[in-house]
Each structure stands twice: as C-alpha cells, then as structure tokens.
Amino acid sequence: MLEGSDPVLAVLREQLRQATVTSVELSGVGFFAHLAVPRGLPIATPPRIVGGDAAIVLTGVEHGAGCVLFVDDGRLSMFEGYTYAGEEWAESVATIGPVTSVVPANPALRSDGRVGRSASSRVRR
C-alpha cells in the first residue's frame, strides 16, 4: 500500500519501518490498529491521507476483506482492516490466500476526495 515512486510514499515507508502498534481494536467486522511514529522522522504532506486497499481472503469470510491506511498530521496513524458485506471478523480469523489487488495510498487525493494536492507535496521535518 506504500509502494510507488511518489516521495510522500517513501516518507511513509520510512515511518512504517520505525512505527509501533500502540493498540488494536476489534469492531466485529474488522479491526483498527493504531500506530505511533517516532518524532524526528520526516512527515508527509499533505498531512491527511486516507487510502490504499487490498483484497484479503479470510477463513470463514465469504466475501473477503479490504483495508485502508490513515495518515494524520503527516504521520502514519492507523491501519484498518474490514470485511465486505458486514461479515464477522472474529479474533481467530486467519488469511488463507494471497493478498491481492493492492492499491497504493494516493497522496494526490485530497482529504475532501478531490484529486490534486491540497498543500505542496514536499517532505518536511
């Protein structure tokens, strides 16, 4: 979800290498993994990115699952996994196939859903 040549994605890959998972919440139809990125690393602009996706095959989940990555204040903040069609995502669910159809997060997609950068697309510290 962070592959690509956009310099913002390179910043987010570096953040991911050093990020820690601070908590995981199960929602019944997915999960929210909250992330912490150490201070001092470059931060991304635009500061708010919501995007990316992948098709995930899960045991006992007929329609599969997807995911999305959240960036707040220029830092990775959360990774969400969710089932399609509101199927249950039990704590014991496991992937049973390859993760496919991976779509990278798109820094050019503004938080209001329109294409085009809402701020300059440069790396800042």
Protein backbone atom coordinates (compact mmCIF):
# COMPACT_ATOMS: atom_id res chain seq x y z
CA MET A 1 0.00 0.00 0.00
CA LEU A 2 3.03 2.24 0.25
CA GLU A 3 4.81 1.14 -2.92
CA GLY A 4 5.42 3.68 -5.64
CA SER A 5 7.74 6.44 -6.71
CA ASP A 6 5.92 9.35 -5.04
CA PRO A 7 8.32 10.90 -2.49
CA VAL A 8 5.48 11.04 0.06
CA LEU A 9 5.16 7.24 -0.13
CA ALA A 10 8.93 6.95 0.50
CA VAL A 11 8.49 9.04 3.68
CA LEU A 12 5.61 6.82 4.81
CA ARG A 13 7.65 3.65 4.14
CA GLU A 14 10.38 5.01 6.41
CA GLN A 15 7.80 5.83 9.07
CA LEU A 16 6.40 2.30 8.81
CA ARG A 17 9.85 0.77 9.36
CA GLN A 18 10.06 2.54 12.71
CA ALA A 19 6.38 2.64 13.72
CA THR A 20 4.96 0.66 16.61
CA VAL A 21 1.44 -0.65 17.07
CA THR A 22 0.06 1.03 20.21
CA SER A 23 -3.32 -0.70 20.30
CA VAL A 24 -5.69 -2.86 18.27
CA GLU A 25 -9.47 -2.56 18.49
CA LEU A 26 -11.74 -5.28 17.11
CA SER A 27 -15.01 -3.92 15.73
CA GLY A 28 -16.73 -7.22 14.96
CA VAL A 29 -16.41 -6.62 11.21
CA GLY A 30 -12.74 -5.65 11.22
CA PHE A 31 -10.04 -4.01 13.28
CA PHE A 32 -8.27 -0.70 13.88
CA ALA A 33 -4.52 -0.92 14.50
CA HIS A 34 -3.31 2.39 15.96
CA LEU A 35 0.26 3.34 15.09
CA ALA A 36 2.88 5.59 16.69
CA VAL A 37 5.70 7.08 14.64
CA PRO A 38 8.80 8.37 16.46
CA ARG A 39 9.26 12.15 16.45
CA GLY A 40 12.16 13.41 14.38
CA LEU A 41 11.28 11.41 11.27
CA PRO A 42 10.23 13.31 8.16
CA ILE A 43 6.49 13.88 7.93
CA ALA A 44 4.35 13.76 4.81
CA THR A 45 2.42 16.48 3.08
CA PRO A 46 -0.42 16.64 2.57
CA PRO A 47 -0.81 15.99 6.29
CA ARG A 48 -4.07 13.99 5.89
CA ILE A 49 -4.14 10.92 3.64
CA VAL A 50 -6.74 8.17 3.71
CA GLY A 51 -6.26 5.46 1.14
CA GLY A 52 -4.86 2.31 -0.24
CA ASP A 53 -6.61 -1.03 -0.42
CA ALA A 54 -6.00 -4.73 -0.94
CA ALA A 55 -8.18 -7.79 -1.40
CA ILE A 56 -7.72 -10.18 1.54
CA VAL A 57 -9.01 -13.77 1.63
CA LEU A 58 -10.03 -14.85 5.15
CA THR A 59 -11.19 -18.14 6.65
CA GLY A 60 -14.96 -18.21 7.15
CA VAL A 61 -15.50 -14.87 5.40
CA GLU A 62 -17.30 -15.48 2.12
CA HIS A 63 -16.76 -12.06 0.52
CA GLY A 64 -13.25 -11.36 1.83
CA ALA A 65 -11.86 -8.21 3.31
CA GLY A 66 -10.13 -4.95 2.47
CA CYS A 67 -8.01 -2.40 4.25
CA VAL A 68 -7.18 1.29 4.36
CA LEU A 69 -4.29 3.33 5.76
CA PHE A 70 -4.68 6.63 7.62
CA VAL A 71 -2.12 9.44 7.87
CA ASP A 72 -2.81 12.30 10.29
CA ASP A 73 -0.56 15.32 10.82
CA GLY A 74 1.84 13.83 8.28
CA ARG A 75 2.37 10.61 10.27
CA LEU A 76 1.00 7.10 9.88
CA SER A 77 -1.75 6.87 12.47
CA MET A 78 -3.96 3.84 11.81
CA PHE A 79 -4.39 0.75 9.66
CA GLU A 80 -7.95 -0.53 9.29
CA GLY A 81 -9.00 -3.98 8.08
CA TYR A 82 -12.67 -4.63 7.33
CA THR A 83 -14.87 -7.32 5.83
CA TYR A 84 -17.00 -6.72 2.78
CA ALA A 85 -20.76 -7.11 3.25
CA GLY A 86 -20.51 -6.66 7.03
CA GLU A 87 -19.41 -10.24 7.68
CA GLU A 88 -17.99 -11.04 11.10
CA TRP A 89 -14.23 -10.69 11.57
CA ALA A 90 -13.61 -12.91 14.56
CA GLU A 91 -10.43 -12.69 16.63
CA SER A 92 -9.42 -16.12 15.32
CA VAL A 93 -9.80 -15.28 11.61
CA ALA A 94 -6.73 -16.08 9.51
CA THR A 95 -5.74 -15.25 5.96
CA ILE A 96 -5.93 -18.28 3.70
CA GLY A 97 -4.81 -16.87 0.39
CA PRO A 98 -2.59 -14.24 -1.08
CA VAL A 99 -3.30 -10.58 -0.51
CA THR A 100 -4.07 -9.29 -4.00
CA SER A 101 -5.20 -6.19 -5.87
CA VAL A 102 -3.04 -3.95 -3.70
CA VAL A 103 -3.75 -0.29 -4.36
CA PRO A 104 -1.20 2.20 -3.00
CA ALA A 105 -2.31 5.14 -0.90
CA ASN A 106 -2.63 8.18 -3.16
CA PRO A 107 -1.07 11.32 -1.68
CA ALA A 108 -2.55 13.34 -4.57
CA LEU A 109 -6.09 12.52 -3.42
CA ARG A 110 -7.09 15.27 -1.04
CA SER A 111 -8.90 14.54 2.20
CA ASP A 112 -12.04 16.07 0.65
CA GLY A 113 -11.94 13.33 -2.03
CA ARG A 114 -10.89 15.57 -4.93
CA VAL A 115 -7.73 14.90 -6.90
CA GLY A 116 -4.94 17.43 -6.59
CA ARG A 117 -2.72 18.34 -3.74
CA SER A 118 -4.30 20.48 -1.05
CA ALA A 119 -0.81 21.51 0.08
CA SER A 120 2.56 21.36 -1.56
CA SER A 121 3.75 17.76 -1.90
CA ARG A 122 7.10 18.05 -0.25
CA VAL A 123 8.71 16.32 2.65
CA ARG A 124 9.04 18.37 5.80
CA ARG A 125 10.57 17.72 9.21
